[in-house]
N, C-alpha and C. Protein backbone atom coordinates (compact mmCIF):
# COMPACT_ATOMS: atom_id res chain seq x y z
N MET A 1 0.84 -1.17 0.00
CA MET A 1 0.00 0.00 0.00
C MET A 1 0.89 1.24 0.00
N LYS A 2 0.56 2.21 -0.81
CA LYS A 2 1.34 3.44 -0.90
C LYS A 2 0.97 4.38 0.24
N VAL A 3 2.00 4.79 0.99
CA VAL A 3 1.76 5.68 2.12
C VAL A 3 2.60 6.94 2.00
N GLY A 4 2.05 8.01 2.54
CA GLY A 4 2.78 9.26 2.65
C GLY A 4 2.91 9.59 4.13
N ILE A 5 4.07 10.08 4.52
CA ILE A 5 4.33 10.41 5.92
C ILE A 5 4.67 11.89 6.03
N ILE A 6 4.01 12.54 6.98
CA ILE A 6 4.29 13.93 7.30
C ILE A 6 4.94 13.96 8.67
N ARG A 7 6.10 14.59 8.76
CA ARG A 7 6.84 14.64 10.02
C ARG A 7 6.97 16.07 10.52
N CYS A 8 7.39 16.20 11.74
CA CYS A 8 7.62 17.51 12.35
C CYS A 8 8.88 18.15 11.76
N GLN A 9 8.76 19.36 11.27
CA GLN A 9 9.92 20.04 10.72
C GLN A 9 10.97 20.33 11.78
N GLN A 10 10.54 20.53 13.03
CA GLN A 10 11.48 20.84 14.10
C GLN A 10 12.43 19.68 14.40
N THR A 11 12.06 18.46 14.03
CA THR A 11 12.89 17.29 14.33
C THR A 11 13.83 16.90 13.19
N GLU A 12 13.73 17.55 12.05
CA GLU A 12 14.51 17.13 10.88
C GLU A 12 16.02 17.08 11.12
N ASP A 13 16.55 17.99 11.90
CA ASP A 13 17.99 18.00 12.15
C ASP A 13 18.43 16.90 13.09
N MET A 14 17.51 16.32 13.85
CA MET A 14 17.85 15.33 14.86
C MET A 14 17.39 13.93 14.54
N CYS A 15 16.50 13.79 13.57
CA CYS A 15 15.90 12.48 13.31
C CYS A 15 15.80 12.26 11.81
N ALA A 16 16.34 11.16 11.37
CA ALA A 16 16.30 10.81 9.95
C ALA A 16 15.05 10.01 9.59
N GLY A 17 14.20 9.75 10.57
CA GLY A 17 13.00 8.96 10.32
C GLY A 17 13.24 7.47 10.34
N MET A 18 14.36 7.04 10.91
CA MET A 18 14.72 5.63 10.88
C MET A 18 13.65 4.73 11.49
N LYS A 19 13.09 5.11 12.64
CA LYS A 19 12.06 4.26 13.25
C LYS A 19 10.81 4.18 12.38
N ASP A 20 10.49 5.26 11.68
CA ASP A 20 9.36 5.23 10.76
C ASP A 20 9.61 4.22 9.65
N PHE A 21 10.81 4.29 9.05
CA PHE A 21 11.15 3.40 7.94
C PHE A 21 11.25 1.94 8.39
N LEU A 22 11.82 1.72 9.58
CA LEU A 22 11.92 0.34 10.08
C LEU A 22 10.55 -0.25 10.38
N ALA A 23 9.68 0.53 11.01
CA ALA A 23 8.33 0.04 11.31
C ALA A 23 7.57 -0.24 10.01
N ALA A 24 7.72 0.64 9.03
CA ALA A 24 7.04 0.44 7.75
C ALA A 24 7.54 -0.82 7.06
N ALA A 25 8.86 -0.99 7.02
CA ALA A 25 9.44 -2.16 6.35
C ALA A 25 9.02 -3.46 7.01
N ALA A 26 8.86 -3.42 8.32
CA ALA A 26 8.47 -4.63 9.06
C ALA A 26 6.95 -4.81 9.14
N GLY A 27 6.20 -3.80 8.70
CA GLY A 27 4.74 -3.87 8.82
C GLY A 27 4.28 -3.86 10.25
N LYS A 28 5.01 -3.12 11.10
CA LYS A 28 4.72 -3.08 12.54
C LYS A 28 4.05 -1.76 12.93
N ASP A 29 3.61 -1.74 14.18
CA ASP A 29 2.99 -0.55 14.78
C ASP A 29 1.85 -0.05 13.88
N ALA A 30 1.79 1.23 13.58
CA ALA A 30 0.67 1.77 12.81
C ALA A 30 0.65 1.29 11.37
N PHE A 31 1.77 0.77 10.88
CA PHE A 31 1.84 0.30 9.50
C PHE A 31 1.26 -1.10 9.31
N ALA A 32 0.86 -1.76 10.38
CA ALA A 32 0.31 -3.11 10.28
C ALA A 32 -0.93 -3.16 9.39
N VAL A 33 -1.64 -2.04 9.27
CA VAL A 33 -2.86 -2.01 8.44
C VAL A 33 -2.56 -1.73 6.97
N ALA A 34 -1.29 -1.48 6.63
CA ALA A 34 -0.95 -1.07 5.27
C ALA A 34 0.02 -2.03 4.57
N VAL A 35 0.12 -3.24 5.07
CA VAL A 35 1.11 -4.19 4.54
C VAL A 35 0.67 -4.71 3.18
N PRO A 36 1.58 -4.83 2.21
CA PRO A 36 2.95 -4.36 2.25
C PRO A 36 3.00 -2.84 2.07
N VAL A 37 3.96 -2.21 2.71
CA VAL A 37 4.07 -0.76 2.72
C VAL A 37 5.07 -0.28 1.67
N GLU A 38 4.64 0.72 0.92
CA GLU A 38 5.53 1.42 0.00
C GLU A 38 5.48 2.90 0.38
N ILE A 39 6.56 3.41 0.96
CA ILE A 39 6.59 4.83 1.31
C ILE A 39 6.84 5.61 0.03
N MET A 40 5.84 6.40 -0.36
CA MET A 40 5.97 7.16 -1.60
C MET A 40 6.33 8.62 -1.37
N ALA A 41 6.25 9.07 -0.11
CA ALA A 41 6.66 10.44 0.22
C ALA A 41 6.92 10.53 1.72
N PHE A 42 7.93 11.32 2.07
CA PHE A 42 8.30 11.55 3.47
C PHE A 42 8.65 13.04 3.55
N VAL A 43 7.71 13.84 4.03
CA VAL A 43 7.85 15.30 4.00
C VAL A 43 7.64 15.89 5.39
N SER A 44 8.02 17.14 5.55
CA SER A 44 7.77 17.81 6.82
C SER A 44 6.40 18.51 6.77
N CYS A 45 5.98 18.94 7.93
CA CYS A 45 4.72 19.67 8.05
C CYS A 45 4.83 21.08 7.49
N GLY A 46 6.06 21.54 7.28
CA GLY A 46 6.28 22.88 6.78
C GLY A 46 6.58 23.89 7.86
N GLY A 47 6.64 23.44 9.09
CA GLY A 47 6.91 24.33 10.21
C GLY A 47 5.63 24.77 10.90
N CYS A 48 5.80 25.20 12.12
CA CYS A 48 4.65 25.59 12.94
C CYS A 48 3.88 26.73 12.28
N PRO A 49 2.57 26.60 12.35
CA PRO A 49 1.72 25.59 13.00
C PRO A 49 1.26 24.47 12.07
N GLY A 50 2.18 23.85 11.37
CA GLY A 50 1.83 22.81 10.40
C GLY A 50 1.32 23.43 9.12
N LYS A 51 1.90 24.56 8.75
CA LYS A 51 1.36 25.41 7.69
C LYS A 51 1.31 24.78 6.30
N ARG A 52 2.06 23.72 6.07
CA ARG A 52 2.02 23.08 4.75
C ARG A 52 1.49 21.65 4.81
N ALA A 53 1.14 21.19 5.98
CA ALA A 53 0.72 19.80 6.14
C ALA A 53 -0.52 19.45 5.32
N VAL A 54 -1.50 20.32 5.31
CA VAL A 54 -2.75 20.02 4.59
C VAL A 54 -2.49 19.95 3.08
N ALA A 55 -1.78 20.93 2.55
CA ALA A 55 -1.48 20.93 1.12
C ALA A 55 -0.62 19.73 0.73
N ARG A 56 0.32 19.38 1.59
CA ARG A 56 1.20 18.24 1.28
C ARG A 56 0.44 16.92 1.35
N ALA A 57 -0.48 16.80 2.28
CA ALA A 57 -1.31 15.59 2.35
C ALA A 57 -2.15 15.45 1.08
N LYS A 58 -2.75 16.54 0.65
CA LYS A 58 -3.56 16.52 -0.57
C LYS A 58 -2.69 16.19 -1.77
N TRP A 59 -1.50 16.77 -1.85
CA TRP A 59 -0.57 16.50 -2.94
C TRP A 59 -0.22 15.01 -2.99
N MET A 60 0.05 14.41 -1.82
CA MET A 60 0.38 12.99 -1.78
C MET A 60 -0.80 12.13 -2.22
N GLN A 61 -1.98 12.49 -1.76
CA GLN A 61 -3.18 11.74 -2.14
C GLN A 61 -3.39 11.82 -3.66
N GLU A 62 -3.22 12.98 -4.23
CA GLU A 62 -3.40 13.15 -5.68
C GLU A 62 -2.38 12.36 -6.49
N ARG A 63 -1.25 12.05 -5.87
CA ARG A 63 -0.20 11.31 -6.56
C ARG A 63 -0.16 9.83 -6.18
N GLY A 64 -1.22 9.35 -5.53
CA GLY A 64 -1.35 7.92 -5.32
C GLY A 64 -1.25 7.39 -3.91
N ALA A 65 -1.01 8.25 -2.92
CA ALA A 65 -0.97 7.75 -1.54
C ALA A 65 -2.35 7.19 -1.17
N GLU A 66 -2.31 6.05 -0.51
CA GLU A 66 -3.55 5.40 -0.08
C GLU A 66 -3.82 5.59 1.40
N ILE A 67 -2.81 6.02 2.14
CA ILE A 67 -2.92 6.36 3.56
C ILE A 67 -1.93 7.49 3.83
N ILE A 68 -2.34 8.43 4.65
CA ILE A 68 -1.45 9.50 5.11
C ILE A 68 -1.18 9.26 6.60
N TYR A 69 0.09 9.30 6.96
CA TYR A 69 0.50 9.16 8.35
C TYR A 69 1.10 10.46 8.85
N LEU A 70 0.74 10.84 10.07
CA LEU A 70 1.47 11.88 10.78
C LEU A 70 2.47 11.13 11.64
N ALA A 71 3.75 11.40 11.45
CA ALA A 71 4.79 10.68 12.17
C ALA A 71 4.63 10.86 13.68
N SER A 72 5.09 9.88 14.41
CA SER A 72 4.96 9.89 15.87
C SER A 72 5.62 11.10 16.53
N CYS A 73 6.61 11.70 15.85
CA CYS A 73 7.25 12.89 16.44
C CYS A 73 6.25 14.03 16.62
N ILE A 74 5.22 14.08 15.79
CA ILE A 74 4.24 15.15 15.91
C ILE A 74 3.39 14.96 17.16
N LYS A 75 2.84 13.79 17.32
CA LYS A 75 1.95 13.54 18.46
C LYS A 75 2.70 13.35 19.78
N ASN A 76 3.86 12.66 19.72
CA ASN A 76 4.58 12.31 20.94
C ASN A 76 5.75 13.22 21.28
N GLY A 77 6.21 13.99 20.32
CA GLY A 77 7.26 14.96 20.60
C GLY A 77 8.66 14.43 20.70
N ARG A 78 8.90 13.23 20.21
CA ARG A 78 10.27 12.72 20.23
C ARG A 78 10.96 13.08 18.93
N PRO A 79 12.20 13.41 18.90
CA PRO A 79 13.17 13.37 19.99
C PRO A 79 13.33 14.69 20.74
N ILE A 80 12.54 15.71 20.41
CA ILE A 80 12.75 17.02 21.04
C ILE A 80 12.07 17.15 22.40
N GLY A 81 11.26 16.18 22.76
CA GLY A 81 10.62 16.19 24.08
C GLY A 81 9.43 17.13 24.19
N MET A 82 8.87 17.52 23.05
CA MET A 82 7.73 18.43 23.09
C MET A 82 6.74 18.06 21.99
N PRO A 83 5.58 17.52 22.35
CA PRO A 83 4.57 17.21 21.34
C PRO A 83 4.12 18.48 20.63
N CYS A 84 3.71 18.34 19.41
CA CYS A 84 3.23 19.48 18.64
C CYS A 84 1.94 20.02 19.24
N PRO A 85 1.91 21.30 19.60
CA PRO A 85 0.68 21.87 20.15
C PRO A 85 -0.41 22.02 19.08
N HIS A 86 -0.06 21.83 17.83
CA HIS A 86 -1.01 21.99 16.72
C HIS A 86 -1.46 20.64 16.15
N HIS A 87 -1.06 19.57 16.81
CA HIS A 87 -1.32 18.21 16.33
C HIS A 87 -2.79 17.99 15.95
N GLN A 88 -3.69 18.23 16.88
CA GLN A 88 -5.10 17.91 16.63
C GLN A 88 -5.70 18.79 15.54
N VAL A 89 -5.37 20.06 15.54
CA VAL A 89 -5.88 20.96 14.50
C VAL A 89 -5.36 20.54 13.13
N MET A 90 -4.08 20.19 13.06
CA MET A 90 -3.47 19.73 11.81
C MET A 90 -4.14 18.45 11.33
N TYR A 91 -4.28 17.48 12.24
CA TYR A 91 -4.92 16.21 11.90
C TYR A 91 -6.34 16.45 11.37
N ASP A 92 -7.13 17.22 12.11
CA ASP A 92 -8.51 17.49 11.71
C ASP A 92 -8.60 18.19 10.36
N ALA A 93 -7.69 19.12 10.10
CA ALA A 93 -7.69 19.85 8.84
C ALA A 93 -7.35 18.93 7.67
N ILE A 94 -6.43 18.00 7.88
CA ILE A 94 -6.07 17.05 6.82
C ILE A 94 -7.25 16.12 6.53
N VAL A 95 -7.87 15.60 7.58
CA VAL A 95 -9.02 14.72 7.41
C VAL A 95 -10.12 15.44 6.63
N LYS A 96 -10.38 16.69 6.99
CA LYS A 96 -11.40 17.48 6.31
C LYS A 96 -11.05 17.70 4.84
N LYS A 97 -9.81 18.04 4.57
CA LYS A 97 -9.38 18.31 3.19
C LYS A 97 -9.47 17.06 2.32
N LEU A 98 -9.13 15.91 2.87
CA LEU A 98 -9.17 14.67 2.09
C LEU A 98 -10.57 14.08 1.98
N GLU A 99 -11.51 14.65 2.71
CA GLU A 99 -12.93 14.29 2.62
C GLU A 99 -13.20 12.79 2.73
N GLY A 100 -12.42 12.11 3.57
CA GLY A 100 -12.63 10.69 3.80
C GLY A 100 -12.19 9.79 2.66
N ALA A 101 -11.53 10.36 1.64
CA ALA A 101 -11.10 9.56 0.49
C ALA A 101 -10.07 8.51 0.87
N ILE A 102 -9.18 8.86 1.81
CA ILE A 102 -8.18 7.92 2.29
C ILE A 102 -8.02 8.12 3.79
N PRO A 103 -7.56 7.09 4.52
CA PRO A 103 -7.38 7.23 5.96
C PRO A 103 -6.20 8.15 6.31
N VAL A 104 -6.32 8.77 7.47
CA VAL A 104 -5.24 9.57 8.04
C VAL A 104 -4.96 8.99 9.42
N VAL A 105 -3.71 8.59 9.65
CA VAL A 105 -3.31 7.95 10.89
C VAL A 105 -2.37 8.89 11.63
N ASP A 106 -2.61 9.12 12.91
CA ASP A 106 -1.84 10.15 13.63
C ASP A 106 -0.65 9.63 14.43
N TRP A 107 -0.07 8.52 14.00
CA TRP A 107 1.15 8.01 14.60
C TRP A 107 1.77 7.00 13.64
N THR A 108 3.04 6.67 13.86
CA THR A 108 3.71 5.71 12.99
C THR A 108 4.34 4.56 13.79
N HIS A 109 5.00 4.87 14.88
CA HIS A 109 5.71 3.84 15.65
C HIS A 109 5.65 4.16 17.14
N SER A 110 5.91 3.13 17.95
CA SER A 110 5.89 3.33 19.40
C SER A 110 7.27 3.68 19.91
């Protein structure tokens, strides 16, 4: 299944997304519903307050993504130790923009 992942821009300098890629490759954690997983895009939210997340989710959907994931760094705040204060608003806006055409999952790995 083709998936697109949106990550926190604040974590880009500290995290290469390795746990996201490992979980996807193994079909573990949130990716268990998307096996086999093909990551077709791995992008940032665009910076606070997630200013490009909605457009990027729509862009991925238009190019074949079947599920959009918000990386665990957004909801859980790792590795910077601070969850995104805009997480729920960003998630809700993406769900609304995609109009239920594809699922949006708000985590990737534990």
